[in-house]
N, C-alpha and C. Protein backbone atom coordinates (compact mmCIF):
# COMPACT_ATOMS: atom_id res chain seq x y z
N MET A 1 0.84 -1.18 0.00
CA MET A 1 0.00 0.00 0.00
C MET A 1 0.88 1.25 0.00
N ALA A 2 0.56 2.19 -0.85
CA ALA A 2 1.33 3.42 -0.97
C ALA A 2 1.07 4.34 0.22
N LYS A 3 2.11 5.08 0.58
CA LYS A 3 1.96 6.05 1.67
C LYS A 3 1.20 7.27 1.17
N ALA A 4 0.43 7.86 2.06
CA ALA A 4 -0.28 9.09 1.74
C ALA A 4 0.73 10.21 1.47
N ASN A 5 0.35 11.13 0.62
CA ASN A 5 1.22 12.24 0.27
C ASN A 5 1.67 13.00 1.52
N GLU A 6 0.75 13.19 2.48
CA GLU A 6 1.09 13.91 3.72
C GLU A 6 2.19 13.19 4.49
N VAL A 7 2.15 11.86 4.52
CA VAL A 7 3.16 11.09 5.24
C VAL A 7 4.51 11.24 4.55
N LYS A 8 4.54 11.19 3.24
CA LYS A 8 5.79 11.35 2.49
C LYS A 8 6.40 12.73 2.76
N ILE A 9 5.56 13.74 2.71
CA ILE A 9 6.05 15.10 2.96
C ILE A 9 6.56 15.24 4.39
N ALA A 10 5.81 14.68 5.35
CA ALA A 10 6.22 14.75 6.76
C ALA A 10 7.56 14.06 6.97
N GLU A 11 7.77 12.92 6.34
CA GLU A 11 9.04 12.21 6.48
C GLU A 11 10.20 13.00 5.89
N LYS A 12 9.99 13.61 4.73
CA LYS A 12 11.04 14.43 4.12
C LYS A 12 11.34 15.66 4.97
N LEU A 13 10.29 16.29 5.48
CA LEU A 13 10.48 17.46 6.33
C LEU A 13 11.22 17.08 7.61
N ALA A 14 10.83 15.98 8.24
CA ALA A 14 11.50 15.53 9.47
C ALA A 14 12.97 15.22 9.20
N ASP A 15 13.26 14.58 8.08
CA ASP A 15 14.66 14.31 7.73
C ASP A 15 15.45 15.60 7.61
N GLY A 16 14.87 16.59 6.93
CA GLY A 16 15.54 17.88 6.79
C GLY A 16 15.72 18.59 8.11
N LEU A 17 14.68 18.59 8.94
CA LEU A 17 14.75 19.26 10.24
C LEU A 17 15.78 18.63 11.16
N ASN A 18 16.00 17.34 11.02
CA ASN A 18 16.97 16.63 11.86
C ASN A 18 18.40 16.76 11.37
N ASP A 19 18.61 17.39 10.22
CA ASP A 19 19.94 17.65 9.69
C ASP A 19 20.51 18.88 10.40
N ALA A 20 21.69 18.75 10.96
CA ALA A 20 22.29 19.85 11.73
C ALA A 20 22.55 21.09 10.89
N THR A 21 22.62 20.95 9.58
CA THR A 21 22.89 22.11 8.73
C THR A 21 21.62 22.80 8.25
N PHE A 22 20.46 22.28 8.61
CA PHE A 22 19.18 22.85 8.17
C PHE A 22 18.95 24.21 8.79
N SER A 23 18.50 25.17 7.99
CA SER A 23 18.19 26.52 8.48
C SER A 23 16.71 26.82 8.22
N PRO A 24 15.90 26.88 9.27
CA PRO A 24 14.49 27.23 9.09
C PRO A 24 14.31 28.60 8.43
N ALA A 25 15.17 29.55 8.74
CA ALA A 25 15.06 30.89 8.16
C ALA A 25 15.26 30.85 6.65
N VAL A 26 16.22 30.07 6.19
CA VAL A 26 16.47 29.96 4.75
C VAL A 26 15.27 29.33 4.05
N LEU A 27 14.73 28.26 4.63
CA LEU A 27 13.56 27.61 4.04
C LEU A 27 12.37 28.57 3.99
N ALA A 28 12.12 29.26 5.08
CA ALA A 28 10.99 30.21 5.12
C ALA A 28 11.16 31.30 4.06
N ASN A 29 12.34 31.87 3.98
CA ASN A 29 12.60 32.92 3.00
C ASN A 29 12.42 32.39 1.58
N TYR A 30 12.90 31.20 1.31
CA TYR A 30 12.79 30.62 -0.03
C TYR A 30 11.33 30.40 -0.42
N ILE A 31 10.55 29.86 0.50
CA ILE A 31 9.14 29.62 0.20
C ILE A 31 8.40 30.94 -0.05
N ILE A 32 8.62 31.91 0.80
CA ILE A 32 7.94 33.20 0.66
C ILE A 32 8.36 33.90 -0.63
N THR A 33 9.63 33.80 -0.98
CA THR A 33 10.16 34.50 -2.14
C THR A 33 9.82 33.82 -3.47
N HIS A 34 9.81 32.49 -3.50
CA HIS A 34 9.73 31.78 -4.77
C HIS A 34 8.41 31.07 -5.05
N TYR A 35 7.51 31.09 -4.13
CA TYR A 35 6.23 30.39 -4.34
C TYR A 35 5.07 31.35 -4.23
N PRO A 36 3.93 31.02 -4.85
CA PRO A 36 2.78 31.93 -4.81
C PRO A 36 2.18 32.02 -3.42
N ILE A 37 1.35 33.04 -3.24
CA ILE A 37 0.70 33.29 -1.95
C ILE A 37 -0.09 32.08 -1.47
N TYR A 38 -0.67 31.31 -2.38
CA TYR A 38 -1.43 30.12 -1.99
C TYR A 38 -0.56 29.16 -1.19
N THR A 39 0.69 29.02 -1.61
CA THR A 39 1.62 28.13 -0.89
C THR A 39 1.84 28.63 0.53
N THR A 40 2.00 29.94 0.68
CA THR A 40 2.17 30.53 2.01
C THR A 40 0.92 30.30 2.85
N GLU A 41 -0.24 30.44 2.25
CA GLU A 41 -1.49 30.21 2.97
C GLU A 41 -1.57 28.77 3.48
N ARG A 42 -1.21 27.83 2.64
CA ARG A 42 -1.24 26.42 3.05
C ARG A 42 -0.20 26.14 4.14
N LEU A 43 0.96 26.77 4.02
CA LEU A 43 1.99 26.60 5.04
C LEU A 43 1.53 27.16 6.37
N MET A 44 0.87 28.31 6.35
CA MET A 44 0.37 28.90 7.60
C MET A 44 -0.73 28.04 8.20
N GLU A 45 -1.52 27.39 7.35
CA GLU A 45 -2.52 26.44 7.85
C GLU A 45 -1.83 25.28 8.55
N LEU A 46 -0.75 24.79 7.97
CA LEU A 46 0.04 23.72 8.59
C LEU A 46 0.59 24.18 9.94
N VAL A 47 1.13 25.38 9.98
CA VAL A 47 1.67 25.93 11.23
C VAL A 47 0.59 26.00 12.30
N ARG A 48 -0.61 26.42 11.90
CA ARG A 48 -1.72 26.50 12.86
C ARG A 48 -2.02 25.13 13.46
N TYR A 49 -2.03 24.10 12.62
CA TYR A 49 -2.28 22.75 13.14
C TYR A 49 -1.12 22.24 13.99
N ILE A 50 0.10 22.58 13.62
CA ILE A 50 1.25 22.20 14.45
C ILE A 50 1.13 22.84 15.83
N ILE A 51 0.71 24.09 15.87
CA ILE A 51 0.50 24.77 17.15
C ILE A 51 -0.60 24.07 17.95
N GLU A 52 -1.71 23.78 17.30
CA GLU A 52 -2.83 23.14 17.99
C GLU A 52 -2.44 21.77 18.55
N TYR A 53 -1.85 20.94 17.71
CA TYR A 53 -1.48 19.59 18.17
C TYR A 53 -0.29 19.62 19.12
N GLY A 54 0.60 20.61 18.95
CA GLY A 54 1.71 20.77 19.89
C GLY A 54 1.22 21.13 21.28
N SER A 55 0.18 21.96 21.34
CA SER A 55 -0.40 22.33 22.63
C SER A 55 -1.00 21.11 23.32
N ILE A 56 -1.70 20.30 22.56
CA ILE A 56 -2.28 19.06 23.12
C ILE A 56 -1.18 18.16 23.65
N GLU A 57 -0.11 18.01 22.87
CA GLU A 57 1.02 17.16 23.28
C GLU A 57 1.70 17.71 24.52
N MET A 58 1.83 19.05 24.61
CA MET A 58 2.45 19.67 25.78
C MET A 58 1.67 19.34 27.04
N ARG A 59 0.35 19.45 26.96
CA ARG A 59 -0.47 19.17 28.14
C ARG A 59 -0.38 17.71 28.56
N LYS A 60 -0.33 16.79 27.57
CA LYS A 60 -0.17 15.37 27.91
C LYS A 60 1.17 15.12 28.57
N GLU A 61 2.25 15.68 27.99
CA GLU A 61 3.59 15.51 28.56
C GLU A 61 3.66 16.06 29.98
N TRP A 62 3.02 17.22 30.18
CA TRP A 62 3.05 17.86 31.50
C TRP A 62 2.32 17.00 32.53
N GLU A 63 1.17 16.46 32.14
CA GLU A 63 0.39 15.62 33.06
C GLU A 63 1.10 14.31 33.36
N ILE A 64 1.69 13.70 32.37
CA ILE A 64 2.32 12.38 32.54
C ILE A 64 3.70 12.49 33.18
N ASN A 65 4.54 13.41 32.69
CA ASN A 65 5.94 13.46 33.12
C ASN A 65 6.29 14.66 33.99
N GLY A 66 5.39 15.64 34.06
CA GLY A 66 5.68 16.84 34.84
C GLY A 66 6.71 17.72 34.18
N ARG A 67 6.97 17.49 32.90
CA ARG A 67 7.93 18.30 32.15
C ARG A 67 7.53 18.30 30.68
N THR A 68 8.12 19.22 29.94
CA THR A 68 7.83 19.31 28.50
C THR A 68 8.99 20.03 27.83
N SER A 69 8.84 20.40 26.58
CA SER A 69 9.91 21.08 25.86
C SER A 69 9.55 22.55 25.66
N ASP A 70 10.57 23.34 25.35
CA ASP A 70 10.34 24.76 25.06
C ASP A 70 9.42 24.93 23.85
N GLY A 71 9.62 24.09 22.83
CA GLY A 71 8.79 24.18 21.63
C GLY A 71 7.33 23.91 21.91
N LEU A 72 7.06 22.91 22.75
CA LEU A 72 5.68 22.60 23.08
C LEU A 72 5.07 23.67 23.99
N LEU A 73 5.87 24.25 24.87
CA LEU A 73 5.37 25.37 25.69
C LEU A 73 5.03 26.56 24.79
N LEU A 74 5.87 26.82 23.79
CA LEU A 74 5.59 27.88 22.84
C LEU A 74 4.29 27.60 22.08
N ALA A 75 4.11 26.36 21.65
CA ALA A 75 2.88 25.99 20.95
C ALA A 75 1.66 26.25 21.82
N ASP A 76 1.74 25.90 23.09
CA ASP A 76 0.61 26.11 23.99
C ASP A 76 0.31 27.60 24.15
N THR A 77 1.34 28.41 24.30
CA THR A 77 1.16 29.86 24.42
C THR A 77 0.57 30.45 23.14
N LEU A 78 1.10 30.01 21.99
CA LEU A 78 0.60 30.53 20.72
C LEU A 78 -0.84 30.11 20.48
N LYS A 79 -1.21 28.91 20.92
CA LYS A 79 -2.59 28.48 20.77
C LYS A 79 -3.52 29.40 21.55
N ASP A 80 -3.13 29.76 22.77
CA ASP A 80 -3.93 30.70 23.57
C ASP A 80 -4.04 32.05 22.87
N ILE A 81 -2.96 32.52 22.29
CA ILE A 81 -2.96 33.81 21.59
C ILE A 81 -3.88 33.73 20.37
N LEU A 82 -3.77 32.67 19.60
CA LEU A 82 -4.61 32.52 18.41
C LEU A 82 -6.09 32.45 18.77
N GLU A 83 -6.41 31.84 19.89
CA GLU A 83 -7.81 31.75 20.31
C GLU A 83 -8.35 33.12 20.69
N THR A 84 -7.51 34.01 21.19
CA THR A 84 -7.99 35.33 21.59
C THR A 84 -8.18 36.26 20.39
N ILE A 85 -7.50 35.96 19.30
CA ILE A 85 -7.68 36.82 18.11
C ILE A 85 -8.51 36.07 17.12
């Protein structure tokens, strides 16, 4: 059975993010500069879901282990901010 397109993209993205030479700023600039606004809109939709699911994961980690990561804490804070606007 073939993998869903989302899974393939997630695996490629995770591989890139785990590379020590990866620069999020360079990727962001390249996407904004070289792709149409629709691509940016879809990327921002992805970011919104990452924030939402990151917040859920942060709360689970906090309840189970009493600790979490800075990234998940940021996701939880950003989720609260997004809900207020």
